PDB file of all heavy atoms in Angstrom:
ATOM      1  N   ASP A   1       0.858  -1.245  -0.086  1.00  0.00           N
ATOM      2  CA  ASP A   1      -0.001  -0.035   0.023  1.00  0.00           C
ATOM      3  C   ASP A   1       0.882   1.292   0.050  1.00  0.00           C
ATOM      4  O   ASP A   1       1.375   1.685   1.034  1.00  0.00           O
ATOM      5  CB  ASP A   1      -0.921  -0.037   1.217  1.00  0.00           C
ATOM      6  CG  ASP A   1      -1.882   1.199   1.224  1.00  0.00           C
ATOM      7  OD1 ASP A   1      -1.817   2.002   0.332  1.00  0.00           O
ATOM      8  OD2 ASP A   1      -2.652   1.254   2.168  1.00  0.00           O
ATOM      9  N   LEU A   2       1.098   1.879  -1.143  1.00  0.00           N
ATOM     10  CA  LEU A   2       1.843   3.003  -1.274  1.00  0.00           C
ATOM     11  C   LEU A   2       1.355   4.256  -0.630  1.00  0.00           C
ATOM     12  O   LEU A   2       2.007   5.266  -0.450  1.00  0.00           O
ATOM     13  CB  LEU A   2       2.343   3.350  -2.744  1.00  0.00           C
ATOM     14  CG  LEU A   2       3.113   2.177  -3.398  1.00  0.00           C
ATOM     15  CD1 LEU A   2       3.416   2.517  -4.848  1.00  0.00           C
ATOM     16  CD2 LEU A   2       4.490   1.949  -2.649  1.00  0.00           C
ATOM     17  N   GLY A   3       0.023   4.249  -0.340  1.00  0.00           N
ATOM     18  CA  GLY A   3      -0.680   5.359   0.209  1.00  0.00           C
ATOM     19  C   GLY A   3      -0.192   5.667   1.613  1.00  0.00           C
ATOM     20  O   GLY A   3      -0.511   6.659   2.201  1.00  0.00           O
ATOM     21  N   GLU A   4       0.468   4.592   2.231  1.00  0.00           N
ATOM     22  CA  GLU A   4       0.833   4.739   3.670  1.00  0.00           C
ATOM     23  C   GLU A   4       2.291   5.348   3.785  1.00  0.00           C
ATOM     24  O   GLU A   4       2.661   5.616   4.997  1.00  0.00           O
ATOM     25  CB  GLU A   4       0.894   3.332   4.309  1.00  0.00           C
ATOM     26  CG  GLU A   4      -0.492   2.603   4.395  1.00  0.00           C
ATOM     27  CD  GLU A   4      -0.386   1.308   5.038  1.00  0.00           C
ATOM     28  OE1 GLU A   4       0.628   0.756   4.951  1.00  0.00           O
ATOM     29  OE2 GLU A   4      -1.443   0.940   5.633  1.00  0.00           O
ATOM     30  N   LEU A   5       2.912   5.528   2.816  1.00  0.00           N
ATOM     31  CA  LEU A   5       4.388   6.003   2.947  1.00  0.00           C
ATOM     32  C   LEU A   5       4.531   7.463   3.556  1.00  0.00           C
ATOM     33  O   LEU A   5       3.710   8.359   3.102  1.00  0.00           O
ATOM     34  CB  LEU A   5       5.104   5.931   1.583  1.00  0.00           C
ATOM     35  CG  LEU A   5       5.768   4.644   1.176  1.00  0.00           C
ATOM     36  CD1 LEU A   5       4.806   3.496   1.042  1.00  0.00           C
ATOM     37  CD2 LEU A   5       6.622   4.837  -0.043  1.00  0.00           C
ATOM     38  N   ARG A   6       5.504   7.639   4.249  1.00  0.00           N
ATOM     39  CA  ARG A   6       5.694   8.957   4.890  1.00  0.00           C
ATOM     40  C   ARG A   6       6.427   9.803   3.783  1.00  0.00           C
ATOM     41  O   ARG A   6       6.149  11.006   3.705  1.00  0.00           O
ATOM     42  CB  ARG A   6       6.653   8.918   6.107  1.00  0.00           C
ATOM     43  CG  ARG A   6       6.933  10.255   6.674  1.00  0.00           C
ATOM     44  CD  ARG A   6       7.834  10.115   7.921  1.00  0.00           C
ATOM     45  NE  ARG A   6       7.121   9.349   9.006  1.00  0.00           N
ATOM     46  CZ  ARG A   6       7.616   9.133  10.227  1.00  0.00           C
ATOM     47  NH1 ARG A   6       8.901   9.507  10.471  1.00  0.00           N
ATOM     48  NH2 ARG A   6       6.974   8.508  11.125  1.00  0.00           N
ATOM     49  N   LEU A   7       7.388   9.253   3.057  1.00  0.00           N
ATOM     50  CA  LEU A   7       8.132  10.012   2.073  1.00  0.00           C
ATOM     51  C   LEU A   7       7.761   9.604   0.685  1.00  0.00           C
ATOM     52  O   LEU A   7       7.309   8.517   0.392  1.00  0.00           O
ATOM     53  CB  LEU A   7       9.652   9.762   2.293  1.00  0.00           C
ATOM     54  CG  LEU A   7      10.266   9.980   3.646  1.00  0.00           C
ATOM     55  CD1 LEU A   7      11.716   9.567   3.725  1.00  0.00           C
ATOM     56  CD2 LEU A   7      10.163  11.588   3.900  1.00  0.00           C
ATOM     57  N   PRO A   8       7.997  10.447  -0.325  1.00  0.00           N
ATOM     58  CA  PRO A   8       7.833  10.061  -1.770  1.00  0.00           C
ATOM     59  C   PRO A   8       8.725   8.877  -2.063  1.00  0.00           C
ATOM     60  O   PRO A   8       9.762   8.703  -1.518  1.00  0.00           O
ATOM     61  CB  PRO A   8       8.186  11.349  -2.451  1.00  0.00           C
ATOM     62  CG  PRO A   8       8.095  12.490  -1.545  1.00  0.00           C
ATOM     63  CD  PRO A   8       8.467  11.890  -0.126  1.00  0.00           C
ATOM     64  N   LEU A   9       8.303   8.139  -3.117  1.00  0.00           N
ATOM     65  CA  LEU A   9       9.093   6.979  -3.572  1.00  0.00           C
ATOM     66  C   LEU A   9      10.583   7.413  -3.881  1.00  0.00           C
ATOM     67  O   LEU A   9      11.468   6.690  -3.505  1.00  0.00           O
ATOM     68  CB  LEU A   9       8.514   6.330  -4.810  1.00  0.00           C
ATOM     69  CG  LEU A   9       7.175   5.612  -4.518  1.00  0.00           C
ATOM     70  CD1 LEU A   9       6.675   4.946  -5.758  1.00  0.00           C
ATOM     71  CD2 LEU A   9       7.413   4.405  -3.515  1.00  0.00           C
ATOM     72  N   GLU A  10      10.722   8.521  -4.508  1.00  0.00           N
ATOM     73  CA  GLU A  10      12.076   8.982  -4.924  1.00  0.00           C
ATOM     74  C   GLU A  10      13.074   9.267  -3.801  1.00  0.00           C
ATOM     75  O   GLU A  10      14.192   9.425  -4.013  1.00  0.00           O
ATOM     76  CB  GLU A  10      11.909  10.292  -5.801  1.00  0.00           C
ATOM     77  CG  GLU A  10      11.151   9.961  -7.149  1.00  0.00           C
ATOM     78  CD  GLU A  10       9.720   9.821  -7.079  1.00  0.00           C
ATOM     79  OE1 GLU A  10       9.108  10.240  -6.025  1.00  0.00           O
ATOM     80  OE2 GLU A  10       9.075   9.241  -7.956  1.00  0.00           O
ATOM     81  N   GLU A  11      12.475   9.429  -2.609  1.00  0.00           N
ATOM     82  CA  GLU A  11      13.336   9.698  -1.429  1.00  0.00           C
ATOM     83  C   GLU A  11      13.818   8.364  -0.760  1.00  0.00           C
ATOM     84  O   GLU A  11      14.491   8.444   0.273  1.00  0.00           O
ATOM     85  CB  GLU A  11      12.541  10.459  -0.405  1.00  0.00           C
ATOM     86  CG  GLU A  11      12.099  11.835  -0.864  1.00  0.00           C
ATOM     87  CD  GLU A  11      13.272  12.667  -1.341  1.00  0.00           C
ATOM     88  OE1 GLU A  11      14.340  12.729  -0.716  1.00  0.00           O
ATOM     89  OE2 GLU A  11      13.179  13.319  -2.509  1.00  0.00           O
ATOM     90  N   HIS A  12      13.718   7.239  -1.381  1.00  0.00           N
ATOM     91  CA  HIS A  12      14.236   5.996  -0.833  1.00  0.00           C
ATOM     92  C   HIS A  12      15.406   5.573  -1.872  1.00  0.00           C
ATOM     93  O   HIS A  12      15.188   5.081  -2.893  1.00  0.00           O
ATOM     94  CB  HIS A  12      13.119   4.868  -0.859  1.00  0.00           C
ATOM     95  CG  HIS A  12      12.021   5.235   0.053  1.00  0.00           C
ATOM     96  ND1 HIS A  12      10.986   6.130  -0.382  1.00  0.00           N
ATOM     97  CD2 HIS A  12      11.701   4.915   1.335  1.00  0.00           C
ATOM     98  CE1 HIS A  12      10.032   6.183   0.604  1.00  0.00           C
ATOM     99  NE2 HIS A  12      10.478   5.530   1.605  1.00  0.00           N
ATOM    100  N   PRO A  13      16.560   5.814  -1.351  1.00  0.00           N
ATOM    101  CA  PRO A  13      17.771   5.707  -2.281  1.00  0.00           C
ATOM    102  C   PRO A  13      18.132   4.291  -2.738  1.00  0.00           C
ATOM    103  O   PRO A  13      18.771   4.109  -3.717  1.00  0.00           O
ATOM    104  CB  PRO A  13      18.904   6.354  -1.590  1.00  0.00           C
ATOM    105  CG  PRO A  13      18.455   6.182  -0.148  1.00  0.00           C
ATOM    106  CD  PRO A  13      16.989   6.292  -0.116  1.00  0.00           C
ATOM    107  N   SER A  14      17.631   3.283  -1.967  1.00  0.00           N
ATOM    108  CA  SER A  14      17.963   1.858  -2.240  1.00  0.00           C
ATOM    109  C   SER A  14      16.725   1.000  -1.975  1.00  0.00           C
ATOM    110  O   SER A  14      15.766   1.441  -1.385  1.00  0.00           O
ATOM    111  CB  SER A  14      19.164   1.430  -1.443  1.00  0.00           C
ATOM    112  OG  SER A  14      18.781   1.343  -0.020  1.00  0.00           O
ATOM    113  N   PHE A  15      16.869  -0.238  -2.459  1.00  0.00           N
ATOM    114  CA  PHE A  15      15.762  -1.088  -2.192  1.00  0.00           C
ATOM    115  C   PHE A  15      15.608  -1.403  -0.727  1.00  0.00           C
ATOM    116  O   PHE A  15      14.532  -1.528  -0.142  1.00  0.00           O
ATOM    117  CB  PHE A  15      15.931  -2.391  -2.989  1.00  0.00           C
ATOM    118  CG  PHE A  15      14.635  -3.304  -2.972  1.00  0.00           C
ATOM    119  CD1 PHE A  15      13.684  -3.023  -3.806  1.00  0.00           C
ATOM    120  CD2 PHE A  15      14.561  -4.355  -2.097  1.00  0.00           C
ATOM    121  CE1 PHE A  15      12.473  -3.809  -3.773  1.00  0.00           C
ATOM    122  CE2 PHE A  15      13.413  -5.164  -1.982  1.00  0.00           C
ATOM    123  CZ  PHE A  15      12.348  -4.819  -2.913  1.00  0.00           C
ATOM    124  N   THR A  16      16.771  -1.504  -0.016  1.00  0.00           N
ATOM    125  CA  THR A  16      16.700  -1.663   1.505  1.00  0.00           C
ATOM    126  C   THR A  16      15.968  -0.496   2.120  1.00  0.00           C
ATOM    127  O   THR A  16      15.123  -0.604   2.998  1.00  0.00           O
ATOM    128  CB  THR A  16      18.185  -1.678   2.031  1.00  0.00           C
ATOM    129  OG1 THR A  16      18.731  -2.916   1.492  1.00  0.00           O
ATOM    130  CG2 THR A  16      18.124  -1.875   3.545  1.00  0.00           C
ATOM    131  N   ALA A  17      16.233   0.754   1.634  1.00  0.00           N
ATOM    132  CA  ALA A  17      15.574   1.897   2.295  1.00  0.00           C
ATOM    133  C   ALA A  17      14.093   1.770   1.966  1.00  0.00           C
ATOM    134  O   ALA A  17      13.213   2.180   2.880  1.00  0.00           O
ATOM    135  CB  ALA A  17      16.134   3.242   1.665  1.00  0.00           C
ATOM    136  N   PHE A  18      13.616   1.402   0.788  1.00  0.00           N
ATOM    137  CA  PHE A  18      12.265   1.242   0.540  1.00  0.00           C
ATOM    138  C   PHE A  18      11.592   0.107   1.432  1.00  0.00           C
ATOM    139  O   PHE A  18      10.586   0.227   1.925  1.00  0.00           O
ATOM    140  CB  PHE A  18      12.008   0.905  -0.977  1.00  0.00           C
ATOM    141  CG  PHE A  18      10.574   0.576  -1.285  1.00  0.00           C
ATOM    142  CD1 PHE A  18       9.688   1.577  -1.300  1.00  0.00           C
ATOM    143  CD2 PHE A  18      10.198  -0.700  -1.653  1.00  0.00           C
ATOM    144  CE1 PHE A  18       8.349   1.306  -1.583  1.00  0.00           C
ATOM    145  CE2 PHE A  18       8.987  -0.972  -1.949  1.00  0.00           C
ATOM    146  CZ  PHE A  18       7.949   0.123  -1.984  1.00  0.00           C
ATOM    147  N   PHE A  19      12.418  -0.902   1.534  1.00  0.00           N
ATOM    148  CA  PHE A  19      11.860  -2.071   2.260  1.00  0.00           C
ATOM    149  C   PHE A  19      11.582  -1.743   3.782  1.00  0.00           C
ATOM    150  O   PHE A  19      10.585  -2.207   4.267  1.00  0.00           O
ATOM    151  CB  PHE A  19      12.813  -3.274   2.166  1.00  0.00           C
ATOM    152  CG  PHE A  19      12.161  -4.630   2.373  1.00  0.00           C
ATOM    153  CD1 PHE A  19      11.479  -5.212   1.330  1.00  0.00           C
ATOM    154  CD2 PHE A  19      12.239  -5.173   3.633  1.00  0.00           C
ATOM    155  CE1 PHE A  19      10.873  -6.413   1.511  1.00  0.00           C
ATOM    156  CE2 PHE A  19      11.502  -6.477   3.770  1.00  0.00           C
ATOM    157  CZ  PHE A  19      10.851  -7.032   2.730  1.00  0.00           C
ATOM    158  N   VAL A  20      12.413  -0.842   4.366  1.00  0.00           N
ATOM    159  CA  VAL A  20      12.165  -0.482   5.771  1.00  0.00           C
ATOM    160  C   VAL A  20      11.567   0.971   5.800  1.00  0.00           C
ATOM    161  O   VAL A  20      11.785   1.660   6.698  1.00  0.00           O
ATOM    162  CB  VAL A  20      13.505  -0.573   6.550  1.00  0.00           C
ATOM    163  CG1 VAL A  20      14.027  -1.967   6.625  1.00  0.00           C
ATOM    164  CG2 VAL A  20      14.605   0.419   6.053  1.00  0.00           C
ATOM    165  N   ARG A  21      10.789   1.253   4.723  1.00  0.00           N
ATOM    166  CA  ARG A  21      10.128   2.573   4.679  1.00  0.00           C
ATOM    167  C   ARG A  21       9.357   2.889   5.941  1.00  0.00           C
ATOM    168  O   ARG A  21       8.842   1.992   6.561  1.00  0.00           O
ATOM    169  CB  ARG A  21       9.156   2.512   3.501  1.00  0.00           C
ATOM    170  CG  ARG A  21       8.124   1.430   3.604  1.00  0.00           C
ATOM    171  CD  ARG A  21       7.509   1.142   2.233  1.00  0.00           C
ATOM    172  NE  ARG A  21       6.501  -0.021   2.407  1.00  0.00           N
ATOM    173  CZ  ARG A  21       6.875  -1.329   2.300  1.00  0.00           C
ATOM    174  NH1 ARG A  21       8.146  -1.583   1.978  1.00  0.00           N
ATOM    175  NH2 ARG A  21       6.031  -2.279   2.339  1.00  0.00           N
ATOM    176  N   ARG A  22       9.229   4.149   6.303  1.00  0.00           N
ATOM    177  CA  ARG A  22       8.476   4.591   7.389  1.00  0.00           C
ATOM    178  C   ARG A  22       7.084   4.921   6.947  1.00  0.00           C
ATOM    179  O   ARG A  22       6.880   5.300   5.667  1.00  0.00           O
ATOM    180  CB  ARG A  22       9.143   5.792   8.147  1.00  0.00           C
ATOM    181  CG  ARG A  22      10.480   5.430   8.769  1.00  0.00           C
ATOM    182  CD  ARG A  22      10.969   6.566   9.620  1.00  0.00           C
ATOM    183  NE  ARG A  22      12.216   6.239  10.285  1.00  0.00           N
ATOM    184  CZ  ARG A  22      12.318   5.605  11.403  1.00  0.00           C
ATOM    185  NH1 ARG A  22      11.205   5.293  12.015  1.00  0.00           N
ATOM    186  NH2 ARG A  22      13.521   5.408  11.941  1.00  0.00           N
ATOM    187  N   LEU A  23       6.076   4.783   7.903  1.00  0.00           N
ATOM    188  CA  LEU A  23       4.740   5.129   7.512  1.00  0.00           C
ATOM    189  C   LEU A  23       4.382   6.567   7.898  1.00  0.00           C
ATOM    190  O   LEU A  23       4.969   7.117   8.739  1.00  0.00           O
ATOM    191  CB  LEU A  23       3.817   4.127   8.215  1.00  0.00           C
ATOM    192  CG  LEU A  23       4.033   2.652   8.038  1.00  0.00           C
ATOM    193  CD1 LEU A  23       3.023   1.861   8.821  1.00  0.00           C
ATOM    194  CD2 LEU A  23       3.885   2.333   6.510  1.00  0.00           C
ATOM    195  N   ALA A  24       3.374   6.991   7.210  1.00  0.00           N
ATOM    196  CA  ALA A  24       2.854   8.280   7.476  1.00  0.00           C
ATOM    197  C   ALA A  24       2.324   8.360   8.839  1.00  0.00           C
ATOM    198  O   ALA A  24       1.795   7.296   9.351  1.00  0.00           O
ATOM    199  CB  ALA A  24       1.769   8.792   6.374  1.00  0.00           C
ATOM    200  N   ASP A  25       2.312   9.508   9.519  1.00  0.00           N
ATOM    201  CA  ASP A  25       1.716   9.693  10.832  1.00  0.00           C
ATOM    202  C   ASP A  25       0.226   9.282  10.750  1.00  0.00           C
ATOM    203  O   ASP A  25      -0.504   9.700   9.865  1.00  0.00           O
ATOM    204  CB  ASP A  25       1.811  11.094  11.327  1.00  0.00           C
ATOM    205  CG  ASP A  25       3.250  11.561  11.661  1.00  0.00           C
ATOM    206  OD1 ASP A  25       4.079  10.554  11.777  1.00  0.00           O
ATOM    207  OD2 ASP A  25       3.535  12.665  11.676  1.00  0.00           O
ATOM    208  N   GLY A  26      -0.183   8.457  11.734  1.00  0.00           N
ATOM    209  CA  GLY A  26      -1.611   8.033  11.783  1.00  0.00           C
ATOM    210  C   GLY A  26      -1.884   6.787  10.961  1.00  0.00           C
ATOM    211  O   GLY A  26      -3.098   6.286  11.046  1.00  0.00           O
ATOM    212  N   ALA A  27      -0.925   6.180  10.331  1.00  0.00           N
ATOM    213  CA  ALA A  27      -1.211   4.982   9.447  1.00  0.00           C
ATOM    214  C   ALA A  27      -1.506   3.841  10.337  1.00  0.00           C
ATOM    215  O   ALA A  27      -2.186   2.914   9.843  1.00  0.00           O
ATOM    216  CB  ALA A  27      -0.046   4.712   8.542  1.00  0.00           C
ATOM    217  N   ARG A  28      -0.855   3.813  11.457  1.00  0.00           N
ATOM    218  CA  ARG A  28      -1.252   2.650  12.433  1.00  0.00           C
ATOM    219  C   ARG A  28      -1.604   3.307  13.883  1.00  0.00           C
ATOM    220  O   ARG A  28      -0.919   4.331  14.157  1.00  0.00           O
ATOM    221  CB  ARG A  28       0.022   1.819  12.643  1.00  0.00           C
ATOM    222  CG  ARG A  28       0.482   1.072  11.464  1.00  0.00           C
ATOM    223  CD  ARG A  28      -0.497  -0.018  10.967  1.00  0.00           C
ATOM    224  NE  ARG A  28       0.099  -0.717   9.840  1.00  0.00           N
ATOM    225  CZ  ARG A  28      -0.074  -0.292   8.604  1.00  0.00           C
ATOM    226  NH1 ARG A  28      -0.752   0.858   8.312  1.00  0.00           N
ATOM    227  NH2 ARG A  28       0.415  -1.101   7.597  1.00  0.00           N
ATOM    228  N   ARG A  29      -2.469   2.772  14.566  1.00  0.00           N
ATOM    229  CA  ARG A  29      -2.912   3.313  15.872  1.00  0.00           C
ATOM    230  C   ARG A  29      -2.835   2.248  16.895  1.00  0.00           C
ATOM    231  O   ARG A  29      -3.240   1.082  16.658  1.00  0.00           O
ATOM    232  CB  ARG A  29      -4.305   3.926  15.747  1.00  0.00           C
ATOM    233  CG  ARG A  29      -4.422   5.087  14.802  1.00  0.00           C
ATOM    234  CD  ARG A  29      -5.721   5.757  14.908  1.00  0.00           C
ATOM    235  NE  ARG A  29      -5.911   6.909  14.010  1.00  0.00           N
ATOM    236  CZ  ARG A  29      -5.418   8.099  14.262  1.00  0.00           C
ATOM    237  NH1 ARG A  29      -4.849   8.313  15.442  1.00  0.00           N
ATOM    238  NH2 ARG A  29      -5.541   9.074  13.387  1.00  0.00           N
ATOM    239  N   PHE A  30      -2.312   2.541  18.088  1.00  0.00           N
ATOM    240  CA  PHE A  30      -2.315   1.625  19.188  1.00  0.00           C
ATOM    241  C   PHE A  30      -3.383   1.896  20.161  1.00  0.00           C
ATOM    242  O   PHE A  30      -3.782   3.088  20.289  1.00  0.00           O
ATOM    243  CB  PHE A  30      -0.875   1.734  19.864  1.00  0.00           C
ATOM    244  CG  PHE A  30       0.179   1.040  19.224  1.00  0.00           C
ATOM    245  CD1 PHE A  30       0.758   1.636  18.086  1.00  0.00           C
ATOM    246  CD2 PHE A  30       0.707  -0.174  19.664  1.00  0.00           C
ATOM    247  CE1 PHE A  30       1.807   1.033  17.415  1.00  0.00           C
ATOM    248  CE2 PHE A  30       1.708  -0.759  18.916  1.00  0.00           C
ATOM    249  CZ  PHE A  30       2.397  -0.214  17.776  1.00  0.00           C
ATOM    250  N   PRO A  31      -3.934   0.961  20.805  1.00  0.00           N
ATOM    251  CA  PRO A  31      -5.006   1.170  21.780  1.00  0.00           C
ATOM    252  C   PRO A  31      -4.392   1.907  22.946  1.00  0.00           C
ATOM    253  O   PRO A  31      -3.260   1.882  23.346  1.00  0.00           O
ATOM    254  CB  PRO A  31      -5.448  -0.285  22.191  1.00  0.00           C
ATOM    255  CG  PRO A  31      -4.260  -1.086  21.901  1.00  0.00           C
ATOM    256  CD  PRO A  31      -3.615  -0.477  20.758  1.00  0.00           C
ATOM    257  N   SER A  32      -5.279   2.714  23.613  1.00  0.00           N
ATOM    258  CA  SER A  32      -4.836   3.491  24.801  1.00  0.00           C
ATOM    259  C   SER A  32      -4.963   2.716  26.086  1.00  0.00           C
ATOM    260  O   SER A  32      -4.239   3.045  27.026  1.00  0.00           O
ATOM    261  CB  SER A  32      -5.662   4.798  24.954  1.00  0.00           C
ATOM    262  OG  SER A  32      -7.100   4.480  24.997  1.00  0.00           O
ATOM    263  N   GLU A  33      -5.791   1.674  26.093  1.00  0.00           N
ATOM    264  CA  GLU A  33      -5.963   0.907  27.358  1.00  0.00           C
ATOM    265  C   GLU A  33      -4.777   0.088  27.627  1.00  0.00           C
ATOM    266  O   GLU A  33      -4.357  -0.725  26.847  1.00  0.00           O
ATOM    267  CB  GLU A  33      -7.203  -0.011  27.237  1.00  0.00           C
ATOM    268  CG  GLU A  33      -8.473   0.739  27.073  1.00  0.00           C
ATOM    269  CD  GLU A  33      -8.803   0.982  25.606  1.00  0.00           C
ATOM    270  OE1 GLU A  33      -7.800   0.888  24.710  1.00  0.00           O
ATOM    271  OE2 GLU A  33      -9.985   1.268  25.188  1.00  0.00           O
ATOM    272  N   ALA A  34      -4.156   0.280  28.863  1.00  0.00           N
ATOM    273  CA  ALA A  34      -2.852  -0.438  29.117  1.00  0.00           C
ATOM    274  C   ALA A  34      -3.058  -1.886  29.275  1.00  0.00           C
ATOM    275  O   ALA A  34      -2.096  -2.653  29.112  1.00  0.00           O
ATOM    276  CB  ALA A  34      -2.392   0.205  30.562  1.00  0.00           C
ATOM    277  N   ALA A  35      -4.233  -2.344  29.511  1.00  0.00           N
ATOM    278  CA  ALA A  35      -4.488  -3.852  29.717  1.00  0.00           C
ATOM    279  C   ALA A  35      -4.559  -4.603  28.367  1.00  0.00           C
ATOM    280  O   ALA A  35      -4.506  -5.822  28.341  1.00  0.00           O
ATOM    281  CB  ALA A  35      -5.776  -4.096  30.493  1.00  0.00           C
ATOM    282  N   LEU A  36      -4.588  -3.902  27.203  1.00  0.00           N
ATOM    283  CA  LEU A  36      -4.611  -4.569  25.957  1.00  0.00           C
ATOM    284  C   LEU A  36      -3.268  -4.748  25.349  1.00  0.00           C
ATOM    285  O   LEU A  36      -2.392  -3.941  25.475  1.00  0.00           O
ATOM    286  CB  LEU A  36      -5.498  -3.749  25.015  1.00  0.00           C
ATOM    287  CG  LEU A  36      -6.997  -3.513  25.447  1.00  0.00           C
ATOM    288  CD1 LEU A  36      -7.669  -2.721  24.416  1.00  0.00           C
ATOM    289  CD2 LEU A  36      -7.662  -4.867  25.543  1.00  0.00           C
ATOM    290  N   LEU A  37      -3.062  -5.862  24.715  1.00  0.00           N
ATOM    291  CA  LEU A  37      -1.786  -6.195  24.042  1.00  0.00           C
ATOM    292  C   LEU A  37      -1.950  -6.091  22.518  1.00  0.00           C
ATOM    293  O   LEU A  37      -2.600  -6.844  21.956  1.00  0.00           O
ATOM    294  CB  LEU A  37      -1.335  -7.567  24.396  1.00  0.00           C
ATOM    295  CG  LEU A  37       0.018  -8.052  23.762  1.00  0.00           C
ATOM    296  CD1 LEU A  37       1.168  -7.248  24.290  1.00  0.00           C
ATOM    297  CD2 LEU A  37       0.210  -9.559  23.943  1.00  0.00           C
ATOM    298  N   PRO A  38      -1.363  -5.099  21.950  1.00  0.00           N
ATOM    299  CA  PRO A  38      -1.480  -4.927  20.463  1.00  0.00           C
ATOM    300  C   PRO A  38      -0.353  -5.689  19.730  1.00  0.00           C
ATOM    301  O   PRO A  38       0.660  -5.989  20.373  1.00  0.00           O
ATOM    302  CB  PRO A  38      -1.298  -3.400  20.229  1.00  0.00           C
ATOM    303  CG  PRO A  38      -0.452  -2.987  21.376  1.00  0.00           C
ATOM    304  CD  PRO A  38      -0.750  -3.853  22.506  1.00  0.00           C
ATOM    305  N   SER A  39      -0.514  -5.948  18.445  1.00  0.00           N
ATOM    306  CA  SER A  39       0.493  -6.548  17.653  1.00  0.00           C
ATOM    307  C   SER A  39       1.687  -5.645  17.543  1.00  0.00           C
ATOM    308  O   SER A  39       1.437  -4.386  17.238  1.00  0.00           O
ATOM    309  CB  SER A  39      -0.077  -7.047  16.325  1.00  0.00           C
ATOM    310  OG  SER A  39       1.025  -7.463  15.452  1.00  0.00           O
ATOM    311  N   PRO A  40       2.907  -6.114  17.632  1.00  0.00           N
ATOM    312  CA  PRO A  40       4.087  -5.221  17.405  1.00  0.00           C
ATOM    313  C   PRO A  40       4.396  -4.966  15.884  1.00  0.00           C
ATOM    314  O   PRO A  40       5.322  -4.199  15.653  1.00  0.00           O
ATOM    315  CB  PRO A  40       5.214  -6.000  18.105  1.00  0.00           C
ATOM    316  CG  PRO A  40       4.796  -7.433  17.924  1.00  0.00           C
ATOM    317  CD  PRO A  40       3.338  -7.470  17.957  1.00  0.00           C
ATOM    318  N   CYS A  41       3.665  -5.665  15.047  1.00  0.00           N
ATOM    319  CA  CYS A  41       4.022  -5.611  13.565  1.00  0.00           C
ATOM    320  C   CYS A  41       2.836  -5.912  12.658  1.00  0.00           C
ATOM    321  O   CYS A  41       1.889  -6.390  13.176  1.00  0.00           O
ATOM    322  CB  CYS A  41       5.276  -6.558  13.335  1.00  0.00           C
ATOM    323  SG  CYS A  41       4.830  -8.293  13.640  1.00  0.00           S
ATOM    324  N   ASP A  42       3.094  -5.603  11.401  1.00  0.00           N
ATOM    325  CA  ASP A  42       2.133  -6.095  10.411  1.00  0.00           C
ATOM    326  C   ASP A  42       2.444  -7.511  10.127  1.00  0.00           C
ATOM    327  O   ASP A  42       3.624  -8.039  10.317  1.00  0.00           O
ATOM    328  CB  ASP A  42       2.306  -5.347   9.207  1.00  0.00           C
ATOM    329  CG  ASP A  42       1.730  -3.976   9.209  1.00  0.00           C
ATOM    330  OD1 ASP A  42       1.196  -3.535  10.235  1.00  0.00           O
ATOM    331  OD2 ASP A  42       1.787  -3.215   8.165  1.00  0.00           O
ATOM    332  N   GLY A  43       1.516  -8.326   9.476  1.00  0.00           N
ATOM    333  CA  GLY A  43       1.808  -9.636   9.169  1.00  0.00           C
ATOM    334  C   GLY A  43       0.601 -10.495   9.131  1.00  0.00           C
ATOM    335  O   GLY A  43      -0.595 -10.085   9.152  1.00  0.00           O
ATOM    336  N   THR A  44       0.864 -11.814   9.046  1.00  0.00           N
ATOM    337  CA  THR A  44      -0.176 -12.835   9.030  1.00  0.00           C
ATOM    338  C   THR A  44      -0.026 -13.743  10.236  1.00  0.00           C
ATOM    339  O   THR A  44       1.098 -14.206  10.530  1.00  0.00           O
ATOM    340  CB  THR A  44      -0.104 -13.668   7.713  1.00  0.00           C
ATOM    341  OG1 THR A  44      -0.197 -12.844   6.660  1.00  0.00           O
ATOM    342  CG2 THR A  44      -1.265 -14.775   7.682  1.00  0.00           C
ATOM    343  N   LEU A  45      -1.073 -13.894  10.953  1.00  0.00           N
ATOM    344  CA  LEU A  45      -1.067 -14.830  12.181  1.00  0.00           C
ATOM    345  C   LEU A  45      -0.882 -16.221  11.835  1.00  0.00           C
ATOM    346  O   LEU A  45      -1.812 -16.838  11.178  1.00  0.00           O
ATOM    347  CB  LEU A  45      -2.312 -14.597  13.023  1.00  0.00           C
ATOM    348  CG  LEU A  45      -2.392 -15.297  14.342  1.00  0.00           C
ATOM    349  CD1 LEU A  45      -1.357 -14.665  15.290  1.00  0.00           C
ATOM    350  CD2 LEU A  45      -3.838 -15.297  14.990  1.00  0.00           C
TER     351      LEU A  45
END
């Protein structure tokens, strides 16, 4: 999903940089309740 990128594609100088791309602010949200355990990453369970 390229719509989540923080930086334009051209600002990733290598494939490694693109692979560890940062997300735009607000693309992921964590719950505020301390008793809940959120996933630390994207992926498939």
